[in-house]
Amino acid sequence: MKVNYKDSPKEEAGKGVYRIWLIDEKAGANNFFMRLFEMLPGTSTEEDSHPYEHEIFVISGKGRIRIENQIEEMEPGDAFFVPPDALHSIKNEGNEALKFICIVPASYRKYRKKGGT
């Protein structure tokens, strides 16, 4: 199944932070879901932790990611692994939108229904 992000609805995931679902159960995925995040300049995600891992791949823009007590620069081509239960956040520190792919397990939906992020 082909999906174009321009045809996918944007959800606000925080002020100036947008989540776009690319691949999920609607596309037939059973194990992993793919999302595209767009963060406007100067925006941040809230600190978060959850019982599932996720993977991030930076497409464009610059920022910083904090995973527990470690802070790393983010730029196009970088990939990051966020372990389960790790406290993490992302900040766009550039002058353009920070765009990254984020992969989560399908169990994400069950966690969200229980009130998690």
Protein backbone atom coordinates (compact mmCIF):
# COMPACT_ATOMS: atom_id res chain seq x y z
CA MET A 1 0.00 0.00 0.00
CA LYS A 2 1.35 3.42 -0.96
CA VAL A 3 0.86 6.40 1.35
CA ASN A 4 1.84 10.01 0.71
CA TYR A 5 2.29 12.17 3.79
CA LYS A 6 0.56 15.09 2.06
CA ASP A 7 -2.64 13.00 1.97
CA SER A 8 -2.43 11.96 5.63
CA PRO A 9 -4.13 14.00 8.38
CA LYS A 10 -1.96 16.02 10.77
CA GLU A 11 -2.60 15.74 14.48
CA GLU A 12 -1.36 18.38 16.86
CA ALA A 13 0.91 16.61 19.34
CA GLY A 14 1.82 19.80 21.20
CA LYS A 15 2.06 23.49 20.38
CA GLY A 16 3.76 23.65 16.98
CA VAL A 17 4.40 19.89 16.97
CA TYR A 18 2.52 17.77 14.44
CA ARG A 19 2.19 13.98 14.08
CA ILE A 20 1.25 12.47 10.72
CA TRP A 21 0.33 8.79 10.63
CA LEU A 22 1.88 7.16 7.56
CA ILE A 23 1.62 3.41 8.17
CA ASP A 24 -0.66 1.89 10.81
CA GLU A 25 -3.40 -0.71 11.04
CA LYS A 26 -5.37 1.14 8.34
CA ALA A 27 -2.54 0.32 5.92
CA GLY A 28 -2.51 -3.30 7.11
CA ALA A 29 0.44 -3.04 9.52
CA ASN A 30 0.28 -5.50 12.40
CA ASN A 31 3.62 -5.05 14.16
CA PHE A 32 5.01 -1.53 13.65
CA PHE A 33 3.56 1.89 12.91
CA MET A 34 5.36 4.71 11.09
CA ARG A 35 4.75 8.37 11.88
CA LEU A 36 6.22 11.60 10.54
CA PHE A 37 6.71 14.43 13.00
CA GLU A 38 7.02 18.09 12.02
CA MET A 39 8.18 20.53 14.68
CA LEU A 40 8.16 24.26 14.04
CA PRO A 41 11.29 26.27 14.97
CA GLY A 42 11.64 26.81 18.71
CA THR A 43 9.16 24.09 19.69
CA SER A 44 9.71 21.11 21.98
CA THR A 45 7.99 17.89 22.83
CA GLU A 46 7.01 17.37 26.44
CA GLU A 47 9.16 15.02 28.48
CA ASP A 48 7.70 11.58 28.04
CA SER A 49 8.31 7.95 28.91
CA HIS A 50 6.35 4.83 28.01
CA PRO A 51 6.76 1.05 28.16
CA TYR A 52 7.63 0.62 24.47
CA GLU A 53 10.74 1.46 22.48
CA HIS A 54 10.78 3.63 19.42
CA GLU A 55 13.18 4.57 16.67
CA ILE A 56 13.69 8.00 15.13
CA PHE A 57 15.25 8.99 11.79
CA VAL A 58 15.85 12.69 11.06
CA ILE A 59 14.84 13.88 7.58
CA SER A 60 15.40 17.64 7.80
CA GLY A 61 16.10 20.43 10.25
CA LYS A 62 18.25 20.53 13.37
CA GLY A 63 17.52 19.96 17.01
CA ARG A 64 18.45 18.16 20.18
CA ILE A 65 17.14 14.97 21.69
CA ARG A 66 17.40 14.13 25.35
CA ILE A 67 17.20 10.47 26.31
CA GLU A 68 17.45 10.15 30.10
CA ASN A 69 20.54 12.24 30.99
CA GLN A 70 22.16 12.17 27.56
CA ILE A 71 21.68 15.04 25.10
CA GLU A 72 22.53 14.57 21.41
CA GLU A 73 22.45 16.92 18.43
CA MET A 74 19.97 15.94 15.72
CA GLU A 75 20.54 16.56 12.02
CA PRO A 76 19.46 14.93 8.75
CA GLY A 77 20.61 11.33 8.47
CA ASP A 78 20.85 10.72 12.22
CA ALA A 79 18.98 7.79 13.77
CA PHE A 80 18.15 7.37 17.46
CA PHE A 81 16.94 4.48 19.60
CA VAL A 82 14.74 5.37 22.57
CA PRO A 83 14.53 2.40 24.98
CA PRO A 84 11.34 1.47 26.82
CA ASP A 85 10.62 3.63 29.88
CA ALA A 86 13.40 6.14 29.04
CA LEU A 87 12.51 9.75 29.80
CA HIS A 88 12.96 11.68 26.54
CA SER A 89 12.19 14.94 24.76
CA ILE A 90 13.06 16.71 21.50
CA LYS A 91 13.66 20.39 20.78
CA ASN A 92 13.84 22.09 17.39
CA GLU A 93 16.79 24.47 17.62
CA GLY A 94 16.96 25.37 13.94
CA ASN A 95 15.34 27.97 11.70
CA GLU A 96 13.24 25.49 9.75
CA ALA A 97 10.86 22.66 10.56
CA LEU A 98 12.47 19.63 12.18
CA LYS A 99 11.07 16.55 10.43
CA PHE A 100 11.66 13.00 11.54
CA ILE A 101 10.22 9.53 11.11
CA CYS A 102 9.27 7.76 14.33
CA ILE A 103 8.56 4.02 14.40
CA VAL A 104 6.54 2.55 17.29
CA PRO A 105 5.19 -0.95 17.96
CA ALA A 106 1.53 -1.64 17.29
CA SER A 107 1.07 -2.02 21.07
CA TYR A 108 1.29 1.79 21.10
CA ARG A 109 -2.47 1.95 20.42
CA LYS A 110 -3.31 -0.13 23.50
CA TYR A 111 -1.09 2.07 25.65
CA ARG A 112 -2.69 5.26 24.28
CA LYS A 113 -6.17 3.95 25.07
CA LYS A 114 -5.07 3.58 28.71
CA GLY A 115 -4.12 7.26 28.83
CA GLY A 116 -0.44 7.15 27.84
CA THR A 117 1.25 9.29 25.22
